[in-house]
Amino acid sequence: MRTSLATFFGNIADQLGKTSAALKALGPSPVKGGDEAAKALATQYDKTRTAFLETKQKLEATKDPNALAASMADIGPKMQALGSSNPLASLENNKDLANAAKQAPHCQALATP
């Protein structure tokens, strides 16, 4: 279970890293506020990625059967803190930016799993 969970967290971290890199590679936004929104999202993905990587590394570094419970207890508050921020606030507060994001091919590619 510990190894499977470490692999799971590693896979999530990899995908978060790819999404962050894609956001950073978007280039200049044609809509005011777009650059800031992309940067905020990339920062949020980077923070979340770090939390998953740290937990993965803790699980991989120990043979302790209690490591699973300790790691889950450790990542819970981190995820809760990350969830309380709203990196999409710029989209919610800027109708032009929200509409542009719905239509921009690069934004659509990031939104598609």
PDB file of N, CA and C in Angstrom:
ATOM      1  N   MET A   1       0.827  -1.200   0.000  1.00  0.00           N
ATOM      2  CA  MET A   1       0.000   0.000   0.000  1.00  0.00           C
ATOM      3  C   MET A   1       0.866   1.257   0.000  1.00  0.00           C
ATOM      4  N   ARG A   2       1.924   1.258   0.821  1.00  0.00           N
ATOM      5  CA  ARG A   2       2.805   2.420   0.914  1.00  0.00           C
ATOM      6  C   ARG A   2       3.443   2.717  -0.437  1.00  0.00           C
ATOM      7  N   THR A   3       3.939   1.690  -1.109  1.00  0.00           N
ATOM      8  CA  THR A   3       4.600   1.857  -2.408  1.00  0.00           C
ATOM      9  C   THR A   3       3.606   2.322  -3.462  1.00  0.00           C
ATOM     10  N   SER A   4       2.422   1.759  -3.447  1.00  0.00           N
ATOM     11  CA  SER A   4       1.392   2.159  -4.409  1.00  0.00           C
ATOM     12  C   SER A   4       0.998   3.620  -4.219  1.00  0.00           C
ATOM     13  N   LEU A   5       0.864   4.017  -2.970  1.00  0.00           N
ATOM     14  CA  LEU A   5       0.499   5.401  -2.687  1.00  0.00           C
ATOM     15  C   LEU A   5       1.624   6.351  -3.089  1.00  0.00           C
ATOM     16  N   ALA A   6       2.861   5.962  -2.851  1.00  0.00           N
ATOM     17  CA  ALA A   6       4.001   6.786  -3.269  1.00  0.00           C
ATOM     18  C   ALA A   6       4.009   6.949  -4.789  1.00  0.00           C
ATOM     19  N   THR A   7       3.737   5.887  -5.500  1.00  0.00           N
ATOM     20  CA  THR A   7       3.666   5.956  -6.964  1.00  0.00           C
ATOM     21  C   THR A   7       2.521   6.866  -7.397  1.00  0.00           C
ATOM     22  N   PHE A   8       1.386   6.735  -6.751  1.00  0.00           N
ATOM     23  CA  PHE A   8       0.223   7.574  -7.048  1.00  0.00           C
ATOM     24  C   PHE A   8       0.561   9.052  -6.851  1.00  0.00           C
ATOM     25  N   PHE A   9       1.159   9.379  -5.698  1.00  0.00           N
ATOM     26  CA  PHE A   9       1.533  10.771  -5.433  1.00  0.00           C
ATOM     27  C   PHE A   9       2.557  11.262  -6.447  1.00  0.00           C
ATOM     28  N   GLY A  10       3.482  10.406  -6.832  1.00  0.00           N
ATOM     29  CA  GLY A  10       4.478  10.774  -7.834  1.00  0.00           C
ATOM     30  C   GLY A  10       3.845  11.060  -9.181  1.00  0.00           C
ATOM     31  N   ASN A  11       2.857  10.266  -9.572  1.00  0.00           N
ATOM     32  CA  ASN A  11       2.156  10.494 -10.837  1.00  0.00           C
ATOM     33  C   ASN A  11       1.394  11.819 -10.828  1.00  0.00           C
ATOM     34  N   ILE A  12       0.754  12.110  -9.717  1.00  0.00           N
ATOM     35  CA  ILE A  12       0.039  13.388  -9.595  1.00  0.00           C
ATOM     36  C   ILE A  12       1.036  14.540  -9.687  1.00  0.00           C
ATOM     37  N   ALA A  13       2.152  14.425  -8.984  1.00  0.00           N
ATOM     38  CA  ALA A  13       3.176  15.479  -9.010  1.00  0.00           C
ATOM     39  C   ALA A  13       3.700  15.687 -10.428  1.00  0.00           C
ATOM     40  N   ASP A  14       3.912  14.608 -11.165  1.00  0.00           N
ATOM     41  CA  ASP A  14       4.388  14.724 -12.551  1.00  0.00           C
ATOM     42  C   ASP A  14       3.394  15.498 -13.413  1.00  0.00           C
ATOM     43  N   GLN A  15       2.124  15.184 -13.281  1.00  0.00           N
ATOM     44  CA  GLN A  15       1.106  15.874 -14.081  1.00  0.00           C
ATOM     45  C   GLN A  15       0.981  17.342 -13.689  1.00  0.00           C
ATOM     46  N   LEU A  16       1.073  17.616 -12.393  1.00  0.00           N
ATOM     47  CA  LEU A  16       1.038  19.005 -11.943  1.00  0.00           C
ATOM     48  C   LEU A  16       2.232  19.784 -12.496  1.00  0.00           C
ATOM     49  N   GLY A  17       3.389  19.155 -12.533  1.00  0.00           N
ATOM     50  CA  GLY A  17       4.587  19.789 -13.083  1.00  0.00           C
ATOM     51  C   GLY A  17       4.432  20.083 -14.564  1.00  0.00           C
ATOM     52  N   LYS A  18       3.855  19.151 -15.303  1.00  0.00           N
ATOM     53  CA  LYS A  18       3.636  19.363 -16.739  1.00  0.00           C
ATOM     54  C   LYS A  18       2.658  20.506 -16.983  1.00  0.00           C
ATOM     55  N   THR A  19       1.608  20.569 -16.190  1.00  0.00           N
ATOM     56  CA  THR A  19       0.630  21.637 -16.342  1.00  0.00           C
ATOM     57  C   THR A  19       1.250  22.986 -16.000  1.00  0.00           C
ATOM     58  N   SER A  20       2.033  23.038 -14.930  1.00  0.00           N
ATOM     59  CA  SER A  20       2.707  24.274 -14.557  1.00  0.00           C
ATOM     60  C   SER A  20       3.656  24.735 -15.663  1.00  0.00           C
ATOM     61  N   ALA A  21       4.421  23.815 -16.204  1.00  0.00           N
ATOM     62  CA  ALA A  21       5.352  24.158 -17.285  1.00  0.00           C
ATOM     63  C   ALA A  21       4.602  24.677 -18.507  1.00  0.00           C
ATOM     64  N   ALA A  22       3.463  24.071 -18.819  1.00  0.00           N
ATOM     65  CA  ALA A  22       2.671  24.530 -19.961  1.00  0.00           C
ATOM     66  C   ALA A  22       2.135  25.939 -19.723  1.00  0.00           C
ATOM     67  N   LEU A  23       1.719  26.226 -18.505  1.00  0.00           N
ATOM     68  CA  LEU A  23       1.245  27.575 -18.170  1.00  0.00           C
ATOM     69  C   LEU A  23       2.369  28.599 -18.318  1.00  0.00           C
ATOM     70  N   LYS A  24       3.542  28.229 -17.872  1.00  0.00           N
ATOM     71  CA  LYS A  24       4.691  29.140 -17.949  1.00  0.00           C
ATOM     72  C   LYS A  24       5.134  29.365 -19.392  1.00  0.00           C
ATOM     73  N   ALA A  25       4.812  28.430 -20.274  1.00  0.00           N
ATOM     74  CA  ALA A  25       5.228  28.524 -21.678  1.00  0.00           C
ATOM     75  C   ALA A  25       4.170  29.177 -22.567  1.00  0.00           C
ATOM     76  N   LEU A  26       3.075  29.634 -22.000  1.00  0.00           N
ATOM     77  CA  LEU A  26       1.998  30.195 -22.814  1.00  0.00           C
ATOM     78  C   LEU A  26       2.401  31.423 -23.614  1.00  0.00           C
ATOM     79  N   GLY A  27       3.308  32.208 -23.116  1.00  0.00           N
ATOM     80  CA  GLY A  27       3.645  33.452 -23.800  1.00  0.00           C
ATOM     81  C   GLY A  27       2.705  34.564 -23.364  1.00  0.00           C
ATOM     82  N   PRO A  28       2.915  35.755 -23.906  1.00  0.00           N
ATOM     83  CA  PRO A  28       2.118  36.908 -23.487  1.00  0.00           C
ATOM     84  C   PRO A  28       0.624  36.730 -23.789  1.00  0.00           C
ATOM     85  N   SER A  29      -0.186  37.140 -22.843  1.00  0.00           N
ATOM     86  CA  SER A  29      -1.633  37.060 -23.013  1.00  0.00           C
ATOM     87  C   SER A  29      -2.130  38.250 -23.824  1.00  0.00           C
ATOM     88  N   PRO A  30      -3.060  38.021 -24.732  1.00  0.00           N
ATOM     89  CA  PRO A  30      -3.642  39.129 -25.483  1.00  0.00           C
ATOM     90  C   PRO A  30      -4.703  39.883 -24.677  1.00  0.00           C
ATOM     91  N   VAL A  31      -5.045  39.367 -23.503  1.00  0.00           N
ATOM     92  CA  VAL A  31      -6.078  39.972 -22.679  1.00  0.00           C
ATOM     93  C   VAL A  31      -5.468  40.459 -21.374  1.00  0.00           C
ATOM     94  N   LYS A  32      -5.841  41.651 -20.968  1.00  0.00           N
ATOM     95  CA  LYS A  32      -5.336  42.212 -19.716  1.00  0.00           C
ATOM     96  C   LYS A  32      -5.678  41.277 -18.552  1.00  0.00           C
ATOM     97  N   GLY A  33      -4.677  40.980 -17.753  1.00  0.00           N
ATOM     98  CA  GLY A  33      -4.850  40.111 -16.595  1.00  0.00           C
ATOM     99  C   GLY A  33      -4.502  38.658 -16.883  1.00  0.00           C
ATOM    100  N   GLY A  34      -4.322  38.318 -18.144  1.00  0.00           N
ATOM    101  CA  GLY A  34      -4.034  36.938 -18.513  1.00  0.00           C
ATOM    102  C   GLY A  34      -2.689  36.454 -18.016  1.00  0.00           C
ATOM    103  N   ASP A  35      -1.673  37.292 -18.110  1.00  0.00           N
ATOM    104  CA  ASP A  35      -0.337  36.898 -17.654  1.00  0.00           C
ATOM    105  C   ASP A  35      -0.337  36.636 -16.149  1.00  0.00           C
ATOM    106  N   GLU A  36      -1.019  37.510 -15.420  1.00  0.00           N
ATOM    107  CA  GLU A  36      -1.096  37.340 -13.968  1.00  0.00           C
ATOM    108  C   GLU A  36      -1.865  36.073 -13.597  1.00  0.00           C
ATOM    109  N   ALA A  37      -2.941  35.790 -14.334  1.00  0.00           N
ATOM    110  CA  ALA A  37      -3.730  34.587 -14.060  1.00  0.00           C
ATOM    111  C   ALA A  37      -2.907  33.334 -14.318  1.00  0.00           C
ATOM    112  N   ALA A  38      -2.172  33.321 -15.425  1.00  0.00           N
ATOM    113  CA  ALA A  38      -1.336  32.154 -15.744  1.00  0.00           C
ATOM    114  C   ALA A  38      -0.263  31.958 -14.688  1.00  0.00           C
ATOM    115  N   LYS A  39       0.337  33.056 -14.238  1.00  0.00           N
ATOM    116  CA  LYS A  39       1.385  32.965 -13.213  1.00  0.00           C
ATOM    117  C   LYS A  39       0.806  32.447 -11.894  1.00  0.00           C
ATOM    118  N   ALA A  40      -0.374  32.936 -11.516  1.00  0.00           N
ATOM    119  CA  ALA A  40      -1.010  32.485 -10.270  1.00  0.00           C
ATOM    120  C   ALA A  40      -1.338  31.003 -10.327  1.00  0.00           C
ATOM    121  N   LEU A  41      -1.846  30.551 -11.467  1.00  0.00           N
ATOM    122  CA  LEU A  41      -2.165  29.130 -11.611  1.00  0.00           C
ATOM    123  C   LEU A  41      -0.898  28.278 -11.558  1.00  0.00           C
ATOM    124  N   ALA A  42       0.152  28.706 -12.255  1.00  0.00           N
ATOM    125  CA  ALA A  42       1.413  27.956 -12.250  1.00  0.00           C
ATOM    126  C   ALA A  42       1.977  27.863 -10.833  1.00  0.00           C
ATOM    127  N   THR A  43       1.914  28.953 -10.097  1.00  0.00           N
ATOM    128  CA  THR A  43       2.395  28.964  -8.711  1.00  0.00           C
ATOM    129  C   THR A  43       1.598  27.989  -7.858  1.00  0.00           C
ATOM    130  N   GLN A  44       0.285  27.971  -8.037  1.00  0.00           N
ATOM    131  CA  GLN A  44      -0.562  27.050  -7.273  1.00  0.00           C
ATOM    132  C   GLN A  44      -0.228  25.601  -7.617  1.00  0.00           C
ATOM    133  N   TYR A  45      -0.061  25.315  -8.905  1.00  0.00           N
ATOM    134  CA  TYR A  45       0.308  23.958  -9.308  1.00  0.00           C
ATOM    135  C   TYR A  45       1.673  23.575  -8.731  1.00  0.00           C
ATOM    136  N   ASP A  46       2.625  24.509  -8.713  1.00  0.00           N
ATOM    137  CA  ASP A  46       3.952  24.218  -8.164  1.00  0.00           C
ATOM    138  C   ASP A  46       3.874  23.900  -6.667  1.00  0.00           C
ATOM    139  N   LYS A  47       3.076  24.656  -5.925  1.00  0.00           N
ATOM    140  CA  LYS A  47       2.927  24.405  -4.489  1.00  0.00           C
ATOM    141  C   LYS A  47       2.284  23.044  -4.233  1.00  0.00           C
ATOM    142  N   THR A  48       1.265  22.747  -5.000  1.00  0.00           N
ATOM    143  CA  THR A  48       0.592  21.465  -4.838  1.00  0.00           C
ATOM    144  C   THR A  48       1.524  20.324  -5.206  1.00  0.00           C
ATOM    145  N   ARG A  49       2.284  20.501  -6.284  1.00  0.00           N
ATOM    146  CA  ARG A  49       3.250  19.498  -6.720  1.00  0.00           C
ATOM    147  C   ARG A  49       4.270  19.221  -5.612  1.00  0.00           C
ATOM    148  N   THR A  50       4.763  20.288  -4.994  1.00  0.00           N
ATOM    149  CA  THR A  50       5.742  20.142  -3.919  1.00  0.00           C
ATOM    150  C   THR A  50       5.164  19.330  -2.760  1.00  0.00           C
ATOM    151  N   ALA A  51       3.917  19.589  -2.403  1.00  0.00           N
ATOM    152  CA  ALA A  51       3.287  18.845  -1.302  1.00  0.00           C
ATOM    153  C   ALA A  51       3.202  17.353  -1.633  1.00  0.00           C
ATOM    154  N   PHE A  52       2.826  17.039  -2.863  1.00  0.00           N
ATOM    155  CA  PHE A  52       2.745  15.628  -3.255  1.00  0.00           C
ATOM    156  C   PHE A  52       4.128  14.980  -3.309  1.00  0.00           C
ATOM    157  N   LEU A  53       5.124  15.713  -3.819  1.00  0.00           N
ATOM    158  CA  LEU A  53       6.480  15.153  -3.884  1.00  0.00           C
ATOM    159  C   LEU A  53       7.056  14.894  -2.496  1.00  0.00           C
ATOM    160  N   GLU A  54       6.835  15.824  -1.581  1.00  0.00           N
ATOM    161  CA  GLU A  54       7.346  15.645  -0.219  1.00  0.00           C
ATOM    162  C   GLU A  54       6.735  14.408   0.433  1.00  0.00           C
ATOM    163  N   THR A  55       5.448  14.229   0.252  1.00  0.00           N
ATOM    164  CA  THR A  55       4.785  13.071   0.832  1.00  0.00           C
ATOM    165  C   THR A  55       5.274  11.785   0.174  1.00  0.00           C
ATOM    166  N   LYS A  56       5.435  11.803  -1.139  1.00  0.00           N
ATOM    167  CA  LYS A  56       5.958  10.642  -1.878  1.00  0.00           C
ATOM    168  C   LYS A  56       7.334  10.262  -1.339  1.00  0.00           C
ATOM    169  N   GLN A  57       8.197  11.257  -1.173  1.00  0.00           N
ATOM    170  CA  GLN A  57       9.558  10.997  -0.700  1.00  0.00           C
ATOM    171  C   GLN A  57       9.566  10.438   0.717  1.00  0.00           C
ATOM    172  N   LYS A  58       8.672  10.929   1.559  1.00  0.00           N
ATOM    173  CA  LYS A  58       8.581  10.400   2.924  1.00  0.00           C
ATOM    174  C   LYS A  58       8.145   8.935   2.903  1.00  0.00           C
ATOM    175  N   LEU A  59       7.205   8.620   2.063  1.00  0.00           N
ATOM    176  CA  LEU A  59       6.744   7.232   1.966  1.00  0.00           C
ATOM    177  C   LEU A  59       7.832   6.316   1.441  1.00  0.00           C
ATOM    178  N   GLU A  60       8.593   6.788   0.478  1.00  0.00           N
ATOM    179  CA  GLU A  60       9.661   5.978  -0.105  1.00  0.00           C
ATOM    180  C   GLU A  60      10.847   5.803   0.840  1.00  0.00           C
ATOM    181  N   ALA A  61      11.021   6.745   1.749  1.00  0.00           N
ATOM    182  CA  ALA A  61      12.205   6.743   2.608  1.00  0.00           C
ATOM    183  C   ALA A  61      12.074   5.864   3.847  1.00  0.00           C
ATOM    184  N   THR A  62      10.918   5.309   4.087  1.00  0.00           N
ATOM    185  CA  THR A  62      10.726   4.553   5.316  1.00  0.00           C
ATOM    186  C   THR A  62      10.115   3.183   5.044  1.00  0.00           C
ATOM    187  N   LYS A  63      10.381   2.291   5.938  1.00  0.00           N
ATOM    188  CA  LYS A  63       9.757   0.959   5.914  1.00  0.00           C
ATOM    189  C   LYS A  63       8.732   0.856   7.051  1.00  0.00           C
ATOM    190  N   ASP A  64       8.606   1.924   7.798  1.00  0.00           N
ATOM    191  CA  ASP A  64       7.708   1.967   8.948  1.00  0.00           C
ATOM    192  C   ASP A  64       6.255   1.781   8.504  1.00  0.00           C
ATOM    193  N   PRO A  65       5.564   0.774   9.042  1.00  0.00           N
ATOM    194  CA  PRO A  65       4.172   0.559   8.651  1.00  0.00           C
ATOM    195  C   PRO A  65       3.248   1.715   9.047  1.00  0.00           C
ATOM    196  N   ASN A  66       3.682   2.533   9.998  1.00  0.00           N
ATOM    197  CA  ASN A  66       2.882   3.683  10.405  1.00  0.00           C
ATOM    198  C   ASN A  66       3.112   4.890   9.500  1.00  0.00           C
ATOM    199  N   ALA A  67       4.031   4.762   8.545  1.00  0.00           N
ATOM    200  CA  ALA A  67       4.355   5.886   7.653  1.00  0.00           C
ATOM    201  C   ALA A  67       3.159   6.301   6.815  1.00  0.00           C
ATOM    202  N   LEU A  68       2.342   5.348   6.446  1.00  0.00           N
ATOM    203  CA  LEU A  68       1.176   5.659   5.633  1.00  0.00           C
ATOM    204  C   LEU A  68       0.247   6.610   6.379  1.00  0.00           C
ATOM    205  N   ALA A  69      -0.073   6.278   7.609  1.00  0.00           N
ATOM    206  CA  ALA A  69      -0.962   7.133   8.403  1.00  0.00           C
ATOM    207  C   ALA A  69      -0.324   8.490   8.650  1.00  0.00           C
ATOM    208  N   ALA A  70       0.972   8.509   8.948  1.00  0.00           N
ATOM    209  CA  ALA A  70       1.661   9.771   9.205  1.00  0.00           C
ATOM    210  C   ALA A  70       1.695  10.634   7.946  1.00  0.00           C
ATOM    211  N   SER A  71       1.920  10.015   6.798  1.00  0.00           N
ATOM    212  CA  SER A  71       1.973  10.775   5.548  1.00  0.00           C
ATOM    213  C   SER A  71       0.610  11.342   5.184  1.00  0.00           C
ATOM    214  N   MET A  72      -0.420  10.557   5.392  1.00  0.00           N
ATOM    215  CA  MET A  72      -1.759  11.047   5.097  1.00  0.00           C
ATOM    216  C   MET A  72      -2.124  12.193   6.046  1.00  0.00           C
ATOM    217  N   ALA A  73      -1.733  12.069   7.304  1.00  0.00           N
ATOM    218  CA  ALA A  73      -1.989  13.142   8.266  1.00  0.00           C
ATOM    219  C   ALA A  73      -1.200  14.389   7.894  1.00  0.00           C
ATOM    220  N   ASP A  74      -0.019  14.199   7.303  1.00  0.00           N
ATOM    221  CA  ASP A  74       0.831  15.314   6.914  1.00  0.00           C
ATOM    222  C   ASP A  74       0.306  16.041   5.681  1.00  0.00           C
ATOM    223  N   ILE A  75      -0.158  15.304   4.687  1.00  0.00           N
ATOM    224  CA  ILE A  75      -0.583  15.940   3.451  1.00  0.00           C
ATOM    225  C   ILE A  75      -1.974  16.569   3.576  1.00  0.00           C
ATOM    226  N   GLY A  76      -2.789  16.062   4.465  1.00  0.00           N
ATOM    227  CA  GLY A  76      -4.141  16.604   4.625  1.00  0.00           C
ATOM    228  C   GLY A  76      -4.176  18.110   4.859  1.00  0.00           C
ATOM    229  N   PRO A  77      -3.488  18.618   5.884  1.00  0.00           N
ATOM    230  CA  PRO A  77      -3.504  20.064   6.122  1.00  0.00           C
ATOM    231  C   PRO A  77      -2.887  20.873   4.969  1.00  0.00           C
ATOM    232  N   LYS A  78      -1.876  20.318   4.311  1.00  0.00           N
ATOM    233  CA  LYS A  78      -1.267  21.013   3.173  1.00  0.00           C
ATOM    234  C   LYS A  78      -2.273  21.179   2.040  1.00  0.00           C
ATOM    235  N   MET A  79      -2.997  20.119   1.763  1.00  0.00           N
ATOM    236  CA  MET A  79      -3.990  20.181   0.699  1.00  0.00           C
ATOM    237  C   MET A  79      -5.130  21.111   1.095  1.00  0.00           C
ATOM    238  N   GLN A  80      -5.504  21.110   2.353  1.00  0.00           N
ATOM    239  CA  GLN A  80      -6.566  21.988   2.814  1.00  0.00           C
ATOM    240  C   GLN A  80      -6.149  23.450   2.671  1.00  0.00           C
ATOM    241  N   ALA A  81      -4.900  23.769   3.019  1.00  0.00           N
ATOM    242  CA  ALA A  81      -4.404  25.137   2.883  1.00  0.00           C
ATOM    243  C   ALA A  81      -4.360  25.558   1.422  1.00  0.00           C
ATOM    244  N   LEU A  82      -3.929  24.646   0.553  1.00  0.00           N
ATOM    245  CA  LEU A  82      -3.888  24.958  -0.872  1.00  0.00           C
ATOM    246  C   LEU A  82      -5.295  25.161  -1.424  1.00  0.00           C
ATOM    247  N   GLY A  83      -6.235  24.391  -0.927  1.00  0.00           N
ATOM    248  CA  GLY A  83      -7.608  24.494  -1.399  1.00  0.00           C
ATOM    249  C   GLY A  83      -8.300  25.771  -0.971  1.00  0.00           C
ATOM    250  N   SER A  84      -7.793  26.415   0.061  1.00  0.00           N
ATOM    251  CA  SER A  84      -8.435  27.645   0.526  1.00  0.00           C
ATOM    252  C   SER A  84      -8.070  28.854  -0.327  1.00  0.00           C
ATOM    253  N   SER A  85      -7.036  28.729  -1.149  1.00  0.00           N
ATOM    254  CA  SER A  85      -6.699  29.830  -2.048  1.00  0.00           C
ATOM    255  C   SER A  85      -7.533  29.703  -3.323  1.00  0.00           C
ATOM    256  N   ASN A  86      -7.625  30.781  -4.075  1.00  0.00           N
ATOM    257  CA  ASN A  86      -8.433  30.753  -5.290  1.00  0.00           C
ATOM    258  C   ASN A  86      -7.629  31.330  -6.454  1.00  0.00           C
ATOM    259  N   PRO A  87      -6.797  30.513  -7.107  1.00  0.00           N
ATOM    260  CA  PRO A  87      -5.993  31.023  -8.211  1.00  0.00           C
ATOM    261  C   PRO A  87      -6.815  31.397  -9.433  1.00  0.00           C
ATOM    262  N   LEU A  88      -8.080  30.999  -9.474  1.00  0.00           N
ATOM    263  CA  LEU A  88      -8.939  31.362 -10.604  1.00  0.00           C
ATOM    264  C   LEU A  88      -9.725  32.649 -10.351  1.00  0.00           C
ATOM    265  N   ALA A  89      -9.428  33.334  -9.260  1.00  0.00           N
ATOM    266  CA  ALA A  89     -10.145  34.562  -8.931  1.00  0.00           C
ATOM    267  C   ALA A  89     -10.057  35.586 -10.060  1.00  0.00           C
ATOM    268  N   SER A  90      -8.908  35.650 -10.734  1.00  0.00           N
ATOM    269  CA  SER A  90      -8.766  36.620 -11.819  1.00  0.00           C
ATOM    270  C   SER A  90      -9.719  36.315 -12.964  1.00  0.00           C
ATOM    271  N   LEU A  91     -10.040  35.052 -13.176  1.00  0.00           N
ATOM    272  CA  LEU A  91     -11.013  34.704 -14.209  1.00  0.00           C
ATOM    273  C   LEU A  91     -12.430  35.058 -13.762  1.00  0.00           C
ATOM    274  N   GLU A  92     -12.699  34.842 -12.500  1.00  0.00           N
ATOM    275  CA  GLU A  92     -14.026  35.131 -11.980  1.00  0.00           C
ATOM    276  C   GLU A  92     -14.305  36.633 -11.940  1.00  0.00           C
ATOM    277  N   ASN A  93     -13.260  37.422 -11.775  1.00  0.00           N
ATOM    278  CA  ASN A  93     -13.404  38.870 -11.642  1.00  0.00           C
ATOM    279  C   ASN A  93     -13.195  39.629 -12.939  1.00  0.00           C
ATOM    280  N   ASN A  94     -12.853  38.952 -14.013  1.00  0.00           N
ATOM    281  CA  ASN A  94     -12.553  39.601 -15.284  1.00  0.00           C
ATOM    282  C   ASN A  94     -13.270  38.838 -16.390  1.00  0.00           C
ATOM    283  N   LYS A  95     -14.431  39.347 -16.787  1.00  0.00           N
ATOM    284  CA  LYS A  95     -15.264  38.652 -17.768  1.00  0.00           C
ATOM    285  C   LYS A  95     -14.545  38.492 -19.107  1.00  0.00           C
ATOM    286  N   ASP A  96     -13.801  39.512 -19.536  1.00  0.00           N
ATOM    287  CA  ASP A  96     -13.067  39.426 -20.800  1.00  0.00           C
ATOM    288  C   ASP A  96     -12.037  38.301 -20.749  1.00  0.00           C
ATOM    289  N   LEU A  97     -11.347  38.202 -19.632  1.00  0.00           N
ATOM    290  CA  LEU A  97     -10.343  37.156 -19.467  1.00  0.00           C
ATOM    291  C   LEU A  97     -10.998  35.768 -19.426  1.00  0.00           C
ATOM    292  N   ALA A  98     -12.113  35.649 -18.730  1.00  0.00           N
ATOM    293  CA  ALA A  98     -12.818  34.368 -18.656  1.00  0.00           C
ATOM    294  C   ALA A  98     -13.281  33.923 -20.044  1.00  0.00           C
ATOM    295  N   ASN A  99     -13.825  34.849 -20.813  1.00  0.00           N
ATOM    296  CA  ASN A  99     -14.281  34.509 -22.166  1.00  0.00           C
ATOM    297  C   ASN A  99     -13.110  34.141 -23.066  1.00  0.00           C
ATOM    298  N   ALA A 100     -12.018  34.864 -22.955  1.00  0.00           N
ATOM    299  CA  ALA A 100     -10.834  34.565 -23.770  1.00  0.00           C
ATOM    300  C   ALA A 100     -10.268  33.194 -23.411  1.00  0.00           C
ATOM    301  N   ALA A 101     -10.256  32.867 -22.126  1.00  0.00           N
ATOM    302  CA  ALA A 101      -9.730  31.573 -21.686  1.00  0.00           C
ATOM    303  C   ALA A 101     -10.573  30.420 -22.232  1.00  0.00           C
ATOM    304  N   LYS A 102     -11.876  30.629 -22.344  1.00  0.00           N
ATOM    305  CA  LYS A 102     -12.757  29.588 -22.876  1.00  0.00           C
ATOM    306  C   LYS A 102     -12.491  29.333 -24.359  1.00  0.00           C
ATOM    307  N   GLN A 103     -11.973  30.333 -25.055  1.00  0.00           N
ATOM    308  CA  GLN A 103     -11.792  30.222 -26.496  1.00  0.00           C
ATOM    309  C   GLN A 103     -10.349  29.983 -26.929  1.00  0.00           C
ATOM    310  N   ALA A 104      -9.390  30.323 -26.102  1.00  0.00           N
ATOM    311  CA  ALA A 104      -7.979  30.220 -26.479  1.00  0.00           C
ATOM    312  C   ALA A 104      -7.549  28.754 -26.586  1.00  0.00           C
ATOM    313  N   PRO A 105      -6.942  28.363 -27.707  1.00  0.00           N
ATOM    314  CA  PRO A 105      -6.528  26.962 -27.879  1.00  0.00           C
ATOM    315  C   PRO A 105      -5.566  26.478 -26.785  1.00  0.00           C
ATOM    316  N   HIS A 106      -4.628  27.319 -26.371  1.00  0.00           N
ATOM    317  CA  HIS A 106      -3.680  26.899 -25.333  1.00  0.00           C
ATOM    318  C   HIS A 106      -4.383  26.684 -23.997  1.00  0.00           C
ATOM    319  N   CYS A 107      -5.340  27.546 -23.680  1.00  0.00           N
ATOM    320  CA  CYS A 107      -6.080  27.387 -22.430  1.00  0.00           C
ATOM    321  C   CYS A 107      -6.943  26.136 -22.489  1.00  0.00           C
ATOM    322  N   GLN A 108      -7.547  25.860 -23.629  1.00  0.00           N
ATOM    323  CA  GLN A 108      -8.357  24.660 -23.794  1.00  0.00           C
ATOM    324  C   GLN A 108      -7.511  23.405 -23.649  1.00  0.00           C
ATOM    325  N   ALA A 109      -6.298  23.447 -24.197  1.00  0.00           N
ATOM    326  CA  ALA A 109      -5.406  22.285 -24.084  1.00  0.00           C
ATOM    327  C   ALA A 109      -5.052  22.011 -22.626  1.00  0.00           C
ATOM    328  N   LEU A 110      -4.885  23.057 -21.820  1.00  0.00           N
ATOM    329  CA  LEU A 110      -4.575  22.887 -20.403  1.00  0.00           C
ATOM    330  C   LEU A 110      -5.781  22.375 -19.628  1.00  0.00           C
ATOM    331  N   ALA A 111      -6.980  22.721 -20.073  1.00  0.00           N
ATOM    332  CA  ALA A 111      -8.191  22.313 -19.363  1.00  0.00           C
ATOM    333  C   ALA A 111      -8.636  20.907 -19.705  1.00  0.00           C
ATOM    334  N   THR A 112      -8.091  20.336 -20.766  1.00  0.00           N
ATOM    335  CA  THR A 112      -8.483  18.997 -21.205  1.00  0.00           C
ATOM    336  C   THR A 112      -7.572  17.962 -20.548  1.00  0.00           C
ATOM    337  N   PRO A 113      -8.173  16.971 -19.869  1.00  0.00           N
ATOM    338  CA  PRO A 113      -7.336  15.951 -19.207  1.00  0.00           C
ATOM    339  C   PRO A 113      -6.593  15.082 -20.191  1.00  0.00           C
TER     340      PRO A 113
END
